[in-house]
N, C-alpha and C. Protein backbone atom coordinates (compact mmCIF):
# COMPACT_ATOMS: atom_id res chain seq x y z
N MET A 1 -229.12 -0.97 -110.37
CA MET A 1 -230.56 -1.14 -109.62
C MET A 1 -231.93 -1.59 -110.12
N PHE A 2 -232.78 -2.33 -110.06
CA PHE A 2 -233.60 -3.35 -110.48
C PHE A 2 -234.78 -2.96 -110.09
N ASN A 3 -235.81 -3.13 -110.75
CA ASN A 3 -236.98 -2.57 -110.26
C ASN A 3 -238.44 -3.88 -110.62
N THR A 4 -238.91 -4.21 -110.16
CA THR A 4 -240.06 -5.29 -110.65
C THR A 4 -241.66 -4.35 -110.16
N LYS A 5 -242.53 -4.70 -111.08
CA LYS A 5 -243.43 -3.49 -111.38
C LYS A 5 -244.27 -3.81 -109.79
N SER A 6 -244.85 -2.89 -109.25
CA SER A 6 -245.69 -3.04 -108.15
C SER A 6 -246.50 -2.07 -107.58
N ASP A 7 -247.54 -2.45 -107.09
CA ASP A 7 -248.71 -1.20 -107.11
C ASP A 7 -248.63 -0.56 -105.41
N GLN A 8 -247.40 -1.10 -104.92
CA GLN A 8 -247.05 -0.10 -103.78
C GLN A 8 -245.95 1.35 -103.96
N GLY A 9 -245.87 1.68 -102.90
CA GLY A 9 -245.21 3.42 -102.85
C GLY A 9 -244.96 4.26 -103.55
N TYR A 10 -246.59 4.81 -103.73
CA TYR A 10 -246.53 5.49 -104.47
C TYR A 10 -247.18 6.85 -103.32
N ILE A 11 -246.52 7.65 -103.75
CA ILE A 11 -247.16 9.22 -103.05
C ILE A 11 -247.44 10.45 -103.31
N ALA A 12 -248.47 10.80 -102.80
CA ALA A 12 -249.12 12.00 -103.40
C ALA A 12 -248.91 12.99 -103.53
N VAL A 13 -248.55 13.64 -104.71
CA VAL A 13 -247.61 15.10 -105.10
C VAL A 13 -248.86 16.66 -104.61
N VAL A 14 -249.76 16.15 -105.51
CA VAL A 14 -250.97 17.29 -105.06
C VAL A 14 -252.38 16.18 -104.88
N ASP A 15 -253.41 17.23 -105.24
CA ASP A 15 -254.65 15.89 -105.23
C ASP A 15 -254.74 15.70 -106.65
N GLY A 16 -254.84 14.07 -106.95
CA GLY A 16 -255.14 13.19 -107.90
C GLY A 16 -253.68 13.56 -108.64
N VAL A 17 -253.00 13.78 -108.43
CA VAL A 17 -251.59 12.98 -108.97
C VAL A 17 -250.74 12.49 -107.84
N LYS A 18 -250.05 10.78 -108.12
CA LYS A 18 -249.39 10.43 -107.64
C LYS A 18 -247.75 9.88 -108.14
N ARG A 19 -246.89 9.72 -107.38
CA ARG A 19 -245.83 9.33 -107.77
C ARG A 19 -244.97 8.26 -107.37
N LYS A 20 -244.62 8.03 -107.81
CA LYS A 20 -243.47 6.56 -107.74
C LYS A 20 -242.02 6.49 -108.38
N THR A 21 -240.74 6.59 -107.71
CA THR A 21 -239.83 6.12 -108.37
C THR A 21 -239.08 5.15 -108.74
N LEU A 22 -239.19 4.39 -109.91
CA LEU A 22 -239.21 3.61 -110.30
C LEU A 22 -237.56 2.83 -110.04
N VAL A 23 -236.72 3.19 -110.27
CA VAL A 23 -235.06 3.65 -110.69
C VAL A 23 -234.53 4.50 -110.28
N HIS A 24 -233.40 4.41 -109.64
CA HIS A 24 -232.09 5.90 -109.79
C HIS A 24 -230.69 5.20 -110.37
N GLY A 25 -230.02 6.01 -110.64
CA GLY A 25 -228.86 5.74 -110.87
C GLY A 25 -228.09 7.14 -110.67
N GLU A 26 -226.90 6.94 -110.36
CA GLU A 26 -225.84 8.09 -110.60
C GLU A 26 -226.18 9.61 -111.13
N LYS A 27 -226.84 9.38 -112.51
CA LYS A 27 -227.23 11.01 -113.14
C LYS A 27 -228.48 11.26 -113.53
N THR A 28 -229.43 9.86 -113.52
CA THR A 28 -231.10 9.33 -113.49
C THR A 28 -231.83 9.25 -112.87
N LEU A 29 -232.65 9.72 -112.89
CA LEU A 29 -234.16 8.90 -112.11
C LEU A 29 -234.99 9.06 -112.57
N MET A 30 -236.06 8.09 -112.50
CA MET A 30 -237.30 7.62 -113.63
C MET A 30 -238.05 7.20 -112.56
N THR A 31 -239.26 8.26 -112.92
CA THR A 31 -240.54 7.98 -112.21
C THR A 31 -241.40 7.87 -112.79
N GLU A 32 -243.01 7.30 -112.15
CA GLU A 32 -244.36 6.81 -112.63
C GLU A 32 -244.91 7.80 -111.94
N PHE A 33 -245.66 8.30 -112.80
CA PHE A 33 -246.62 9.21 -111.99
C PHE A 33 -248.38 8.84 -112.72
N LEU A 34 -249.30 8.60 -111.80
CA LEU A 34 -250.63 8.50 -112.13
C LEU A 34 -251.58 9.71 -111.80
N LEU A 35 -252.37 9.83 -112.65
CA LEU A 35 -252.82 11.21 -112.78
C LEU A 35 -254.34 10.81 -112.93
N GLU A 36 -254.76 11.60 -111.78
CA GLU A 36 -256.50 11.42 -112.01
C GLU A 36 -257.27 12.23 -113.06
N LYS A 37 -258.11 12.06 -114.21
CA LYS A 37 -259.08 12.81 -114.70
C LYS A 37 -259.66 14.26 -114.48
N GLY A 38 -259.50 15.22 -114.77
CA GLY A 38 -259.78 16.53 -114.34
C GLY A 38 -259.36 16.70 -112.83
N LYS A 39 -258.29 16.73 -112.97
CA LYS A 39 -256.72 17.29 -111.68
C LYS A 39 -255.58 18.04 -112.75
N THR A 40 -255.25 18.92 -111.66
CA THR A 40 -253.97 20.04 -112.34
C THR A 40 -253.22 19.57 -111.27
N LEU A 41 -251.95 19.65 -112.31
CA LEU A 41 -250.53 20.06 -111.60
C LEU A 41 -250.04 21.31 -111.66
N PRO A 42 -249.73 21.79 -110.42
CA PRO A 42 -249.82 23.16 -110.72
C PRO A 42 -248.36 23.51 -111.59
N ASN A 43 -248.50 25.01 -111.85
CA ASN A 43 -247.15 25.65 -112.47
C ASN A 43 -246.14 25.39 -111.56
N HIS A 44 -244.81 24.84 -111.96
CA HIS A 44 -243.57 24.60 -110.93
C HIS A 44 -242.48 25.03 -111.99
N SER A 45 -240.93 24.62 -111.36
CA SER A 45 -240.14 24.46 -112.17
C SER A 45 -238.61 23.78 -111.24
N HIS A 46 -237.79 23.16 -111.66
CA HIS A 46 -236.53 23.03 -110.81
C HIS A 46 -235.73 22.96 -111.76
N SER A 47 -234.37 22.43 -111.13
CA SER A 47 -233.58 22.61 -111.81
C SER A 47 -233.02 21.52 -112.77
N GLN A 48 -233.68 20.34 -112.27
CA GLN A 48 -233.72 18.89 -113.48
C GLN A 48 -233.92 19.27 -114.96
N GLU A 49 -233.64 18.98 -115.98
CA GLU A 49 -234.09 18.32 -117.00
C GLU A 49 -234.82 17.46 -116.84
N GLN A 50 -236.15 17.40 -117.90
CA GLN A 50 -236.99 16.49 -117.26
C GLN A 50 -237.59 15.36 -118.65
N THR A 51 -237.40 14.64 -119.16
CA THR A 51 -237.96 13.47 -120.17
C THR A 51 -239.31 12.54 -119.76
N GLY A 52 -239.90 12.90 -120.33
CA GLY A 52 -241.08 12.15 -120.53
C GLY A 52 -241.85 12.01 -121.32
N TYR A 53 -242.63 10.25 -121.34
CA TYR A 53 -243.47 9.84 -122.11
C TYR A 53 -244.92 9.23 -121.36
N LEU A 54 -245.85 9.66 -122.53
CA LEU A 54 -246.98 9.41 -122.08
C LEU A 54 -247.52 7.63 -121.87
N VAL A 55 -247.93 6.93 -121.42
CA VAL A 55 -247.98 5.77 -121.32
C VAL A 55 -249.65 5.32 -121.91
N SER A 56 -250.48 6.09 -120.89
CA SER A 56 -251.82 5.90 -121.59
C SER A 56 -252.73 7.08 -121.16
N GLY A 57 -253.18 7.23 -121.69
CA GLY A 57 -254.76 8.76 -121.26
C GLY A 57 -254.75 9.76 -122.07
N LYS A 58 -254.52 11.13 -121.70
CA LYS A 58 -254.38 11.78 -122.62
C LYS A 58 -254.78 13.28 -121.52
N ILE A 59 -253.29 14.35 -122.23
CA ILE A 59 -253.25 15.53 -120.92
C ILE A 59 -252.89 16.25 -121.31
N MET A 60 -253.03 17.70 -121.05
CA MET A 60 -252.28 19.26 -122.14
C MET A 60 -251.24 19.54 -120.67
N LEU A 61 -250.42 19.39 -121.66
CA LEU A 61 -248.88 19.75 -120.85
C LEU A 61 -248.68 21.54 -121.22
N PHE A 62 -248.45 22.26 -120.21
CA PHE A 62 -247.70 23.35 -120.46
C PHE A 62 -246.63 24.27 -120.12
N ILE A 63 -245.46 24.27 -121.25
CA ILE A 63 -244.09 24.57 -120.80
C ILE A 63 -243.65 25.77 -121.29
N ALA A 64 -243.15 26.69 -120.36
CA ALA A 64 -242.44 27.76 -121.03
C ALA A 64 -243.47 28.46 -121.56
N GLY A 65 -244.84 28.72 -121.58
CA GLY A 65 -245.65 29.70 -122.28
C GLY A 65 -246.65 28.83 -123.32
N GLU A 66 -245.86 27.61 -123.82
CA GLU A 66 -246.42 26.81 -124.86
C GLU A 66 -247.43 25.79 -123.73
N GLU A 67 -248.06 25.36 -125.02
CA GLU A 67 -249.35 24.53 -125.07
C GLU A 67 -249.09 23.33 -125.68
N PHE A 68 -249.37 22.04 -125.36
CA PHE A 68 -249.28 21.01 -125.77
C PHE A 68 -250.19 19.32 -125.66
N GLU A 69 -250.92 19.55 -126.76
CA GLU A 69 -251.83 18.19 -126.32
C GLU A 69 -251.24 17.01 -126.77
N VAL A 70 -251.01 16.20 -125.17
CA VAL A 70 -250.11 14.71 -124.98
C VAL A 70 -251.15 13.74 -125.45
N ASN A 71 -251.16 12.84 -126.10
CA ASN A 71 -251.34 11.39 -126.31
C ASN A 71 -250.90 10.03 -126.26
N PRO A 72 -251.36 9.07 -126.06
CA PRO A 72 -250.30 8.31 -125.35
C PRO A 72 -249.29 7.69 -126.29
N GLY A 73 -248.00 7.86 -126.43
CA GLY A 73 -246.92 7.21 -127.17
C GLY A 73 -246.07 8.36 -127.54
N ASP A 74 -246.82 9.96 -127.00
CA ASP A 74 -245.81 11.31 -127.35
C ASP A 74 -245.17 11.35 -125.82
N SER A 75 -244.01 12.06 -126.36
CA SER A 75 -243.09 12.29 -125.52
C SER A 75 -242.57 14.00 -125.51
N TRP A 76 -241.73 14.30 -124.85
CA TRP A 76 -241.39 15.62 -124.08
C TRP A 76 -240.01 16.08 -123.40
N VAL A 77 -239.32 17.07 -123.66
CA VAL A 77 -238.80 17.42 -122.79
C VAL A 77 -239.04 18.77 -122.54
N ILE A 78 -238.70 19.25 -121.41
CA ILE A 78 -238.45 19.99 -119.88
C ILE A 78 -237.33 20.49 -119.59
N PRO A 79 -236.46 21.92 -120.08
CA PRO A 79 -235.59 21.77 -119.44
C PRO A 79 -235.45 22.12 -118.35
N GLY A 80 -234.41 22.38 -117.75
CA GLY A 80 -233.97 22.83 -116.18
C GLY A 80 -234.20 23.97 -116.12
N ASP A 81 -235.36 24.23 -115.12
CA ASP A 81 -235.59 25.86 -114.56
C ASP A 81 -236.84 26.47 -115.34
N ALA A 82 -236.94 25.62 -116.44
CA ALA A 82 -238.30 25.87 -117.11
C ALA A 82 -239.74 25.82 -116.37
N GLU A 83 -240.43 26.83 -116.49
CA GLU A 83 -242.45 26.92 -115.93
C GLU A 83 -242.98 25.81 -116.85
N HIS A 84 -243.38 25.06 -115.69
CA HIS A 84 -243.91 24.03 -116.76
C HIS A 84 -245.61 23.32 -115.63
N SER A 85 -246.42 23.17 -116.36
CA SER A 85 -248.00 22.46 -115.73
C SER A 85 -248.68 21.43 -116.37
N ALA A 86 -249.69 21.21 -116.00
CA ALA A 86 -250.00 19.94 -116.69
C ALA A 86 -252.15 19.77 -116.35
N LYS A 87 -252.28 19.91 -117.14
CA LYS A 87 -253.79 19.34 -117.13
C LYS A 87 -254.22 18.05 -117.51
N VAL A 88 -255.12 17.19 -116.52
CA VAL A 88 -255.43 15.78 -117.22
C VAL A 88 -256.46 15.44 -117.81
N ILE A 89 -256.67 15.49 -118.93
CA ILE A 89 -257.81 15.07 -119.86
C ILE A 89 -258.90 13.96 -119.57
N GLU A 90 -257.79 12.90 -119.37
CA GLU A 90 -258.18 11.37 -119.11
C GLU A 90 -257.43 11.00 -117.81
N GLU A 91 -257.64 9.45 -117.23
CA GLU A 91 -257.12 9.22 -116.50
C GLU A 91 -255.58 8.91 -117.20
N SER A 92 -254.56 9.27 -116.07
CA SER A 92 -253.15 8.83 -116.98
C SER A 92 -251.86 8.31 -116.81
N VAL A 93 -250.68 7.77 -117.62
CA VAL A 93 -250.07 7.19 -116.62
C VAL A 93 -249.14 7.98 -117.30
N ALA A 94 -247.57 8.26 -116.80
CA ALA A 94 -246.59 9.07 -117.34
C ALA A 94 -245.57 8.73 -116.79
N VAL A 95 -244.20 8.54 -117.78
CA VAL A 95 -243.60 7.91 -117.10
C VAL A 95 -241.63 9.09 -117.62
N GLU A 96 -241.53 9.73 -116.58
CA GLU A 96 -240.39 10.79 -116.67
C GLU A 96 -239.14 10.39 -115.97
N VAL A 97 -238.28 11.25 -116.82
CA VAL A 97 -236.60 10.79 -116.00
C VAL A 97 -236.32 12.00 -115.84
N PHE A 98 -235.48 12.14 -114.24
CA PHE A 98 -235.19 13.79 -114.57
C PHE A 98 -233.52 13.54 -114.43
N ALA A 99 -232.78 14.56 -114.84
CA ALA A 99 -231.43 14.40 -114.83
C ALA A 99 -231.03 15.97 -114.42
N PRO A 100 -229.97 16.15 -113.24
CA PRO A 100 -229.55 14.92 -112.36
C PRO A 100 -230.57 14.18 -111.50
N VAL A 101 -230.41 13.38 -110.83
CA VAL A 101 -231.41 13.19 -110.08
C VAL A 101 -231.84 14.15 -109.05
N ARG A 102 -232.93 13.73 -108.67
CA ARG A 102 -234.16 14.65 -107.51
C ARG A 102 -233.33 14.23 -106.73
N GLY A 103 -233.07 14.79 -105.82
CA GLY A 103 -232.73 14.07 -104.24
C GLY A 103 -234.20 14.08 -103.42
N ASP A 104 -235.11 14.75 -103.65
CA ASP A 104 -236.61 14.74 -103.31
C ASP A 104 -237.22 13.59 -104.08
N TYR A 105 -236.61 12.98 -104.70
CA TYR A 105 -237.66 12.38 -105.09
C TYR A 105 -236.88 10.21 -104.79
N LEU A 106 -235.73 10.55 -104.38
CA LEU A 106 -234.78 9.55 -103.74
C LEU A 106 -235.81 8.63 -102.70
N PRO A 107 -235.90 7.85 -103.19
CA PRO A 107 -236.16 6.73 -101.71
C PRO A 107 -236.28 6.60 -100.99
């Protein structure tokens, strides 16, 4: 699968948080998140492991009771079933890979 950059196809997750599946294969799925300053991604969990990279902006990431200040170039892994949330400090763009594939994120 190959995907070219486009401003189309974003889906609202919650107020101020949009996502777009970029590519997916048999075992992984890559998603881009657009995060508005001052918004929050509520606490949640899912069975997939989630590996992320902050492209731009600044967020606070909360993973299983730990708090992390995330700046451009920082990366993380959230184990499957771990409770996590985020607070958006600055307009941000993050890219995350889910394994196994999240069926609810398939286009």
